[in-house]
Amino acid sequence: MQVTTAAVRLFDGAGYTQDLLAERMTCDAKITHIHAGAKRVQRMVIARSLLSERLTGVPATQGRGGSPGSCPPPVPPLPL
């Protein structure tokens, strides 16, 4: 991402136009950087869940709000 940012700076204001390859490459680099960060957070959440499950002996899907196994029952439709 540092290289693409330097390329945009090299072209000054024209580096932000979509006509140049530098702008497109910078955009791709930023998206890749964001995606890598999201994967890192997801790995941390999974690791924390597995570690907690190992330490407590309680599966991660039982007894915790927001997990797939603890959804409330569906709300019945309103009468017409």
N, C-alpha and C. Protein backbone atom coordinates (compact mmCIF):
# COMPACT_ATOMS: atom_id res chain seq x y z
N MET A 1 0.82 -1.18 0.00
CA MET A 1 0.00 0.00 0.00
C MET A 1 0.88 1.25 0.00
N GLN A 2 2.06 1.17 0.57
CA GLN A 2 2.95 2.33 0.59
C GLN A 2 3.40 2.71 -0.81
N VAL A 3 3.62 1.71 -1.65
CA VAL A 3 4.08 1.97 -3.02
C VAL A 3 2.98 2.66 -3.82
N THR A 4 1.75 2.17 -3.69
CA THR A 4 0.66 2.78 -4.46
C THR A 4 0.35 4.18 -3.96
N THR A 5 0.45 4.40 -2.67
CA THR A 5 0.24 5.75 -2.13
C THR A 5 1.31 6.71 -2.63
N ALA A 6 2.55 6.23 -2.71
CA ALA A 6 3.65 7.05 -3.24
C ALA A 6 3.41 7.37 -4.72
N ALA A 7 2.87 6.41 -5.47
CA ALA A 7 2.58 6.65 -6.88
C ALA A 7 1.51 7.72 -7.05
N VAL A 8 0.49 7.69 -6.22
CA VAL A 8 -0.56 8.72 -6.29
C VAL A 8 0.03 10.09 -5.95
N ARG A 9 0.89 10.13 -4.94
CA ARG A 9 1.53 11.40 -4.57
C ARG A 9 2.44 11.91 -5.68
N LEU A 10 3.09 10.99 -6.39
CA LEU A 10 3.98 11.38 -7.48
C LEU A 10 3.20 12.09 -8.58
N PHE A 11 2.00 11.62 -8.85
CA PHE A 11 1.18 12.24 -9.89
C PHE A 11 0.39 13.43 -9.36
N ASP A 12 0.54 13.75 -8.10
CA ASP A 12 -0.13 14.89 -7.46
C ASP A 12 -1.64 14.75 -7.58
N GLY A 13 -2.34 15.79 -7.96
CA GLY A 13 -3.80 15.76 -8.06
C GLY A 13 -4.30 14.81 -9.14
N ALA A 14 -3.52 14.63 -10.20
CA ALA A 14 -3.92 13.73 -11.29
C ALA A 14 -3.90 12.27 -10.84
N GLY A 15 -3.21 11.97 -9.75
CA GLY A 15 -3.15 10.61 -9.26
C GLY A 15 -4.46 10.11 -8.70
N TYR A 16 -5.38 11.03 -8.42
CA TYR A 16 -6.68 10.64 -7.88
C TYR A 16 -7.73 10.46 -8.97
N THR A 17 -7.39 10.74 -10.21
CA THR A 17 -8.36 10.54 -11.29
C THR A 17 -8.41 9.06 -11.65
N GLN A 18 -9.55 8.64 -12.11
CA GLN A 18 -9.72 7.22 -12.43
C GLN A 18 -9.05 6.85 -13.75
N ASP A 19 -8.51 7.82 -14.46
CA ASP A 19 -7.84 7.54 -15.72
C ASP A 19 -6.49 6.85 -15.51
N LEU A 20 -5.88 7.10 -14.39
CA LEU A 20 -4.55 6.54 -14.14
C LEU A 20 -4.64 5.20 -13.41
N LEU A 21 -3.71 4.34 -13.72
CA LEU A 21 -3.64 3.03 -13.09
C LEU A 21 -3.29 3.14 -11.60
N ALA A 22 -2.58 4.21 -11.24
CA ALA A 22 -2.16 4.38 -9.85
C ALA A 22 -3.36 4.48 -8.92
N GLU A 23 -4.40 5.16 -9.35
CA GLU A 23 -5.60 5.32 -8.50
C GLU A 23 -6.27 3.98 -8.29
N ARG A 24 -6.40 3.21 -9.36
CA ARG A 24 -7.05 1.91 -9.27
C ARG A 24 -6.24 0.96 -8.38
N MET A 25 -4.93 0.99 -8.54
CA MET A 25 -4.09 0.11 -7.72
C MET A 25 -4.13 0.52 -6.25
N THR A 26 -4.21 1.82 -5.98
CA THR A 26 -4.32 2.28 -4.59
C THR A 26 -5.62 1.82 -3.97
N CYS A 27 -6.69 1.90 -4.74
CA CYS A 27 -7.99 1.46 -4.25
C CYS A 27 -7.96 -0.04 -3.95
N ASP A 28 -7.39 -0.83 -4.85
CA ASP A 28 -7.28 -2.27 -4.63
C ASP A 28 -6.43 -2.58 -3.40
N ALA A 29 -5.35 -1.84 -3.22
CA ALA A 29 -4.47 -2.07 -2.06
C ALA A 29 -5.19 -1.76 -0.76
N LYS A 30 -5.99 -0.69 -0.75
CA LYS A 30 -6.73 -0.34 0.47
C LYS A 30 -7.77 -1.39 0.81
N ILE A 31 -8.47 -1.88 -0.22
CA ILE A 31 -9.50 -2.91 0.02
C ILE A 31 -8.85 -4.18 0.54
N THR A 32 -7.71 -4.55 -0.03
CA THR A 32 -7.00 -5.73 0.43
C THR A 32 -6.55 -5.57 1.88
N HIS A 33 -6.09 -4.37 2.23
CA HIS A 33 -5.65 -4.08 3.60
C HIS A 33 -6.82 -4.20 4.57
N ILE A 34 -7.98 -3.66 4.19
CA ILE A 34 -9.17 -3.73 5.05
C ILE A 34 -9.62 -5.18 5.20
N HIS A 35 -9.62 -5.93 4.11
CA HIS A 35 -10.05 -7.33 4.14
C HIS A 35 -9.12 -8.15 5.05
N ALA A 36 -7.84 -7.90 4.96
CA ALA A 36 -6.88 -8.63 5.80
C ALA A 36 -7.13 -8.33 7.28
N GLY A 37 -7.46 -7.09 7.59
CA GLY A 37 -7.77 -6.72 8.98
C GLY A 37 -9.02 -7.41 9.48
N ALA A 38 -10.03 -7.52 8.62
CA ALA A 38 -11.27 -8.19 9.01
C ALA A 38 -11.03 -9.67 9.27
N LYS A 39 -10.19 -10.30 8.44
CA LYS A 39 -9.86 -11.70 8.65
C LYS A 39 -9.12 -11.89 9.97
N ARG A 40 -8.26 -10.94 10.31
CA ARG A 40 -7.50 -11.02 11.55
C ARG A 40 -8.45 -10.94 12.76
N VAL A 41 -9.42 -10.04 12.69
CA VAL A 41 -10.40 -9.91 13.78
C VAL A 41 -11.22 -11.18 13.90
N GLN A 42 -11.63 -11.74 12.76
CA GLN A 42 -12.42 -12.96 12.79
C GLN A 42 -11.63 -14.11 13.42
N ARG A 43 -10.35 -14.20 13.10
CA ARG A 43 -9.51 -15.24 13.71
C ARG A 43 -9.42 -15.05 15.22
N MET A 44 -9.32 -13.81 15.67
CA MET A 44 -9.24 -13.54 17.11
C MET A 44 -10.53 -13.96 17.81
N VAL A 45 -11.68 -13.67 17.19
CA VAL A 45 -12.97 -14.03 17.79
C VAL A 45 -13.10 -15.54 17.88
N ILE A 46 -12.72 -16.24 16.82
CA ILE A 46 -12.80 -17.70 16.83
C ILE A 46 -11.86 -18.28 17.87
N ALA A 47 -10.63 -17.76 17.93
CA ALA A 47 -9.66 -18.26 18.91
C ALA A 47 -10.14 -18.03 20.33
N ARG A 48 -10.71 -16.86 20.58
CA ARG A 48 -11.22 -16.56 21.92
C ARG A 48 -12.36 -17.52 22.29
N SER A 49 -13.23 -17.79 21.32
CA SER A 49 -14.34 -18.70 21.56
C SER A 49 -13.84 -20.11 21.86
N LEU A 50 -12.87 -20.58 21.07
CA LEU A 50 -12.34 -21.92 21.29
C LEU A 50 -11.60 -22.03 22.62
N LEU A 51 -10.85 -20.99 22.96
CA LEU A 51 -10.14 -20.99 24.23
C LEU A 51 -11.11 -20.99 25.40
N SER A 52 -12.15 -20.19 25.30
CA SER A 52 -13.15 -20.13 26.37
C SER A 52 -13.84 -21.48 26.51
N GLU A 53 -14.14 -22.10 25.36
CA GLU A 53 -14.79 -23.41 25.39
C GLU A 53 -13.88 -24.45 26.03
N ARG A 54 -12.61 -24.36 25.74
CA ARG A 54 -11.65 -25.32 26.30
C ARG A 54 -11.49 -25.13 27.81
N LEU A 55 -11.48 -23.88 28.25
CA LEU A 55 -11.28 -23.60 29.68
C LEU A 55 -12.52 -23.88 30.52
N THR A 56 -13.70 -23.57 29.97
CA THR A 56 -14.93 -23.73 30.75
C THR A 56 -15.63 -25.04 30.51
N GLY A 57 -15.37 -25.68 29.37
CA GLY A 57 -16.05 -26.93 29.03
C GLY A 57 -17.43 -26.73 28.46
N VAL A 58 -17.86 -25.47 28.30
CA VAL A 58 -19.17 -25.16 27.74
C VAL A 58 -18.99 -24.84 26.26
N PRO A 59 -19.70 -25.55 25.37
CA PRO A 59 -19.58 -25.23 23.94
C PRO A 59 -19.97 -23.79 23.66
N ALA A 60 -19.34 -23.20 22.69
CA ALA A 60 -19.53 -21.78 22.39
C ALA A 60 -20.95 -21.47 21.95
N THR A 61 -21.70 -22.46 21.46
CA THR A 61 -23.06 -22.17 20.98
C THR A 61 -24.11 -22.33 22.05
N GLN A 62 -23.73 -22.67 23.27
CA GLN A 62 -24.71 -22.85 24.34
C GLN A 62 -24.59 -21.75 25.38
N GLY A 63 -25.72 -21.17 25.73
CA GLY A 63 -25.78 -20.26 26.85
C GLY A 63 -25.19 -18.89 26.63
N ARG A 64 -25.00 -18.50 25.40
CA ARG A 64 -24.47 -17.16 25.14
C ARG A 64 -25.40 -16.44 24.18
N GLY A 65 -25.67 -15.20 24.46
CA GLY A 65 -26.53 -14.43 23.59
C GLY A 65 -25.88 -14.16 22.25
N GLY A 66 -26.69 -14.13 21.21
CA GLY A 66 -26.19 -13.79 19.89
C GLY A 66 -25.66 -14.97 19.10
N SER A 67 -25.52 -16.12 19.72
CA SER A 67 -25.03 -17.28 18.98
C SER A 67 -26.22 -17.96 18.29
N PRO A 68 -25.96 -18.74 17.24
CA PRO A 68 -27.06 -19.35 16.48
C PRO A 68 -27.98 -20.23 17.32
N GLY A 69 -27.46 -20.88 18.35
CA GLY A 69 -28.28 -21.77 19.16
C GLY A 69 -29.17 -21.06 20.17
N SER A 70 -29.02 -19.76 20.35
CA SER A 70 -29.79 -19.07 21.37
C SER A 70 -30.74 -18.03 20.80
N CYS A 71 -31.18 -18.21 19.58
CA CYS A 71 -32.11 -17.24 18.98
C CYS A 71 -33.49 -17.40 19.63
N PRO A 72 -34.17 -16.29 19.85
CA PRO A 72 -35.52 -16.39 20.42
C PRO A 72 -36.48 -16.99 19.40
N PRO A 73 -37.62 -17.53 19.87
CA PRO A 73 -38.58 -18.09 18.92
C PRO A 73 -39.14 -16.99 18.02
N PRO A 74 -39.57 -17.35 16.81
CA PRO A 74 -40.10 -16.32 15.91
C PRO A 74 -41.40 -15.72 16.46
N VAL A 75 -41.62 -14.49 16.12
CA VAL A 75 -42.83 -13.77 16.56
C VAL A 75 -43.98 -14.19 15.65
N PRO A 76 -45.14 -14.60 16.25
CA PRO A 76 -46.27 -15.02 15.40
C PRO A 76 -46.81 -13.81 14.62
N PRO A 77 -47.37 -14.06 13.45
CA PRO A 77 -47.91 -12.95 12.64
C PRO A 77 -49.12 -12.32 13.31
N LEU A 78 -49.35 -11.06 13.03
CA LEU A 78 -50.50 -10.35 13.58
C LEU A 78 -51.78 -10.82 12.89
N PRO A 79 -52.86 -10.91 13.67
CA PRO A 79 -54.14 -11.32 13.03
C PRO A 79 -54.65 -10.21 12.13
N LEU A 80 -55.32 -10.61 11.06
CA LEU A 80 -55.86 -9.62 10.10
C LEU A 80 -57.22 -9.16 10.47
